[in-house]
Amino acid sequence: MNLPGLYLDEDVQSLALIASLRALDLKILTTGEARMSTRTDEEQLRFATAQGLVLATSNVADFAKIHGRWL
């Protein structure tokens, strides 16, 4: 099975998490690596979508609103 890669925003990044996921041979990209750290939440989601990545965040309040708009 080919799993999609993950795009980790600042809310869920930790060196241990990143290392653990990469050790499982998962494609991981962080906002810092993508030079997207200063971008808005909506820009983060657009970027992840364009890259074919799943956005991982713990920013539930903001992304619930964005999700509603995208539907």
N, C-alpha and C. Protein backbone atom coordinates (compact mmCIF):
# COMPACT_ATOMS: atom_id res chain seq x y z
N MET A 1 0.85 -1.17 0.00
CA MET A 1 0.00 0.00 0.00
C MET A 1 0.89 1.24 0.00
N ASN A 2 0.56 2.21 -0.84
CA ASN A 2 1.32 3.43 -0.94
C ASN A 2 0.61 4.54 -0.16
N LEU A 3 1.15 4.91 0.97
CA LEU A 3 0.53 5.93 1.81
C LEU A 3 0.92 7.32 1.33
N PRO A 4 0.00 8.29 1.47
CA PRO A 4 0.36 9.66 1.09
C PRO A 4 1.38 10.23 2.08
N GLY A 5 2.13 11.20 1.62
CA GLY A 5 3.08 11.87 2.49
C GLY A 5 2.36 12.82 3.44
N LEU A 6 3.08 13.25 4.46
CA LEU A 6 2.52 14.16 5.45
C LEU A 6 3.24 15.50 5.39
N TYR A 7 2.47 16.55 5.52
CA TYR A 7 2.99 17.90 5.61
C TYR A 7 2.69 18.37 7.03
N LEU A 8 3.72 18.53 7.85
CA LEU A 8 3.56 18.86 9.26
C LEU A 8 3.65 20.36 9.47
N ASP A 9 2.59 20.95 10.02
CA ASP A 9 2.69 22.37 10.33
C ASP A 9 3.36 22.56 11.69
N GLU A 10 3.57 23.80 12.06
CA GLU A 10 4.34 24.11 13.28
C GLU A 10 3.72 23.53 14.54
N ASP A 11 2.41 23.29 14.53
CA ASP A 11 1.72 22.82 15.73
C ASP A 11 2.03 21.38 16.09
N VAL A 12 2.52 20.60 15.14
CA VAL A 12 2.76 19.17 15.42
C VAL A 12 4.21 18.74 15.21
N GLN A 13 5.08 19.68 14.97
CA GLN A 13 6.46 19.31 14.69
C GLN A 13 7.27 19.07 15.97
N SER A 14 7.93 17.96 15.98
CA SER A 14 8.94 17.67 16.99
C SER A 14 9.99 16.80 16.31
N LEU A 15 11.21 16.94 16.74
CA LEU A 15 12.28 16.16 16.11
C LEU A 15 12.03 14.67 16.26
N ALA A 16 11.53 14.25 17.41
CA ALA A 16 11.26 12.83 17.64
C ALA A 16 10.17 12.31 16.71
N LEU A 17 9.10 13.08 16.54
CA LEU A 17 8.01 12.68 15.65
C LEU A 17 8.51 12.57 14.21
N ILE A 18 9.21 13.59 13.77
CA ILE A 18 9.72 13.60 12.40
C ILE A 18 10.65 12.41 12.16
N ALA A 19 11.56 12.17 13.08
CA ALA A 19 12.49 11.05 12.94
C ALA A 19 11.76 9.71 12.94
N SER A 20 10.77 9.57 13.80
CA SER A 20 10.01 8.31 13.89
C SER A 20 9.25 8.04 12.60
N LEU A 21 8.61 9.06 12.06
CA LEU A 21 7.84 8.88 10.82
C LEU A 21 8.76 8.58 9.64
N ARG A 22 9.88 9.27 9.59
CA ARG A 22 10.83 9.01 8.50
C ARG A 22 11.46 7.63 8.63
N ALA A 23 11.64 7.15 9.86
CA ALA A 23 12.17 5.80 10.07
C ALA A 23 11.21 4.73 9.52
N LEU A 24 9.93 5.09 9.44
CA LEU A 24 8.94 4.19 8.85
C LEU A 24 8.86 4.35 7.34
N ASP A 25 9.78 5.13 6.80
CA ASP A 25 9.89 5.37 5.36
C ASP A 25 8.69 6.14 4.81
N LEU A 26 8.12 7.00 5.65
CA LEU A 26 7.04 7.87 5.20
C LEU A 26 7.62 9.17 4.67
N LYS A 27 6.98 9.70 3.65
CA LYS A 27 7.40 11.00 3.12
C LYS A 27 6.89 12.07 4.08
N ILE A 28 7.82 12.86 4.62
CA ILE A 28 7.49 13.90 5.58
C ILE A 28 8.09 15.21 5.09
N LEU A 29 7.28 16.25 5.12
CA LEU A 29 7.76 17.59 4.81
C LEU A 29 7.24 18.52 5.89
N THR A 30 8.10 19.36 6.40
CA THR A 30 7.68 20.33 7.43
C THR A 30 7.54 21.70 6.79
N THR A 31 6.82 22.57 7.48
CA THR A 31 6.64 23.93 6.98
C THR A 31 7.99 24.64 6.86
N GLY A 32 8.89 24.37 7.79
CA GLY A 32 10.23 24.98 7.73
C GLY A 32 11.01 24.52 6.51
N GLU A 33 10.96 23.22 6.24
CA GLU A 33 11.66 22.68 5.07
C GLU A 33 11.10 23.24 3.77
N ALA A 34 9.81 23.50 3.77
CA ALA A 34 9.14 24.02 2.59
C ALA A 34 9.22 25.55 2.51
N ARG A 35 9.84 26.14 3.51
CA ARG A 35 9.93 27.61 3.61
C ARG A 35 8.55 28.26 3.58
N MET A 36 7.63 27.67 4.34
CA MET A 36 6.25 28.13 4.40
C MET A 36 5.86 28.58 5.81
N SER A 37 6.82 28.72 6.71
CA SER A 37 6.52 28.98 8.12
C SER A 37 5.72 30.25 8.36
N THR A 38 5.85 31.24 7.53
CA THR A 38 5.16 32.51 7.77
C THR A 38 3.83 32.61 7.04
N ARG A 39 3.42 31.55 6.39
CA ARG A 39 2.19 31.58 5.59
C ARG A 39 0.95 31.34 6.42
N THR A 40 -0.19 31.74 5.90
CA THR A 40 -1.46 31.57 6.60
C THR A 40 -1.86 30.09 6.59
N ASP A 41 -2.83 29.76 7.43
CA ASP A 41 -3.33 28.39 7.49
C ASP A 41 -3.89 27.96 6.13
N GLU A 42 -4.63 28.84 5.49
CA GLU A 42 -5.21 28.49 4.19
C GLU A 42 -4.11 28.27 3.15
N GLU A 43 -3.06 29.06 3.18
CA GLU A 43 -1.94 28.86 2.27
C GLU A 43 -1.25 27.53 2.55
N GLN A 44 -1.16 27.15 3.83
CA GLN A 44 -0.56 25.86 4.18
C GLN A 44 -1.38 24.72 3.56
N LEU A 45 -2.69 24.81 3.68
CA LEU A 45 -3.55 23.77 3.14
C LEU A 45 -3.48 23.72 1.62
N ARG A 46 -3.47 24.86 0.97
CA ARG A 46 -3.34 24.90 -0.49
C ARG A 46 -2.02 24.26 -0.93
N PHE A 47 -0.94 24.59 -0.22
CA PHE A 47 0.37 24.03 -0.55
C PHE A 47 0.37 22.52 -0.40
N ALA A 48 -0.12 22.03 0.74
CA ALA A 48 -0.16 20.58 0.98
C ALA A 48 -0.97 19.87 -0.11
N THR A 49 -2.11 20.43 -0.43
CA THR A 49 -2.97 19.85 -1.46
C THR A 49 -2.26 19.80 -2.81
N ALA A 50 -1.60 20.90 -3.17
CA ALA A 50 -0.89 20.98 -4.45
C ALA A 50 0.25 19.97 -4.53
N GLN A 51 0.84 19.65 -3.38
CA GLN A 51 1.95 18.70 -3.32
C GLN A 51 1.47 17.25 -3.17
N GLY A 52 0.16 17.05 -3.02
CA GLY A 52 -0.37 15.71 -2.81
C GLY A 52 -0.09 15.17 -1.42
N LEU A 53 0.05 16.08 -0.45
CA LEU A 53 0.36 15.70 0.93
C LEU A 53 -0.84 15.91 1.84
N VAL A 54 -0.88 15.15 2.90
CA VAL A 54 -1.90 15.31 3.93
C VAL A 54 -1.35 16.29 4.97
N LEU A 55 -2.10 17.32 5.25
CA LEU A 55 -1.69 18.31 6.25
C LEU A 55 -1.99 17.78 7.65
N ALA A 56 -0.97 17.72 8.50
CA ALA A 56 -1.14 17.30 9.89
C ALA A 56 -0.99 18.53 10.77
N THR A 57 -2.00 18.78 11.60
CA THR A 57 -2.01 19.94 12.48
C THR A 57 -2.80 19.62 13.73
N SER A 58 -2.59 20.39 14.76
CA SER A 58 -3.46 20.29 15.95
C SER A 58 -4.26 21.58 16.10
N ASN A 59 -4.24 22.41 15.10
CA ASN A 59 -4.95 23.69 15.09
C ASN A 59 -6.40 23.45 14.65
N VAL A 60 -7.16 22.83 15.50
CA VAL A 60 -8.52 22.39 15.17
C VAL A 60 -9.44 23.57 14.87
N ALA A 61 -9.41 24.60 15.68
CA ALA A 61 -10.35 25.71 15.52
C ALA A 61 -10.24 26.37 14.15
N ASP A 62 -9.03 26.73 13.76
CA ASP A 62 -8.85 27.41 12.47
C ASP A 62 -9.13 26.49 11.29
N PHE A 63 -8.66 25.27 11.36
CA PHE A 63 -8.82 24.38 10.22
C PHE A 63 -10.24 23.84 10.10
N ALA A 64 -11.00 23.82 11.17
CA ALA A 64 -12.43 23.45 11.05
C ALA A 64 -13.16 24.50 10.23
N LYS A 65 -12.83 25.76 10.42
CA LYS A 65 -13.45 26.83 9.62
C LYS A 65 -13.03 26.72 8.16
N ILE A 66 -11.77 26.48 7.92
CA ILE A 66 -11.26 26.34 6.54
C ILE A 66 -11.92 25.14 5.88
N HIS A 67 -12.03 24.04 6.60
CA HIS A 67 -12.66 22.83 6.06
C HIS A 67 -14.08 23.15 5.62
N GLY A 68 -14.81 23.87 6.43
CA GLY A 68 -16.19 24.24 6.09
C GLY A 68 -16.25 25.06 4.81
N ARG A 69 -15.34 25.97 4.63
CA ARG A 69 -15.30 26.80 3.43
C ARG A 69 -14.95 25.96 2.20
N TRP A 70 -14.03 25.00 2.38
CA TRP A 70 -13.59 24.18 1.25
C TRP A 70 -14.68 23.21 0.78
N LEU A 71 -15.56 22.82 1.71
CA LEU A 71 -16.64 21.90 1.32
C LEU A 71 -17.61 22.62 0.41
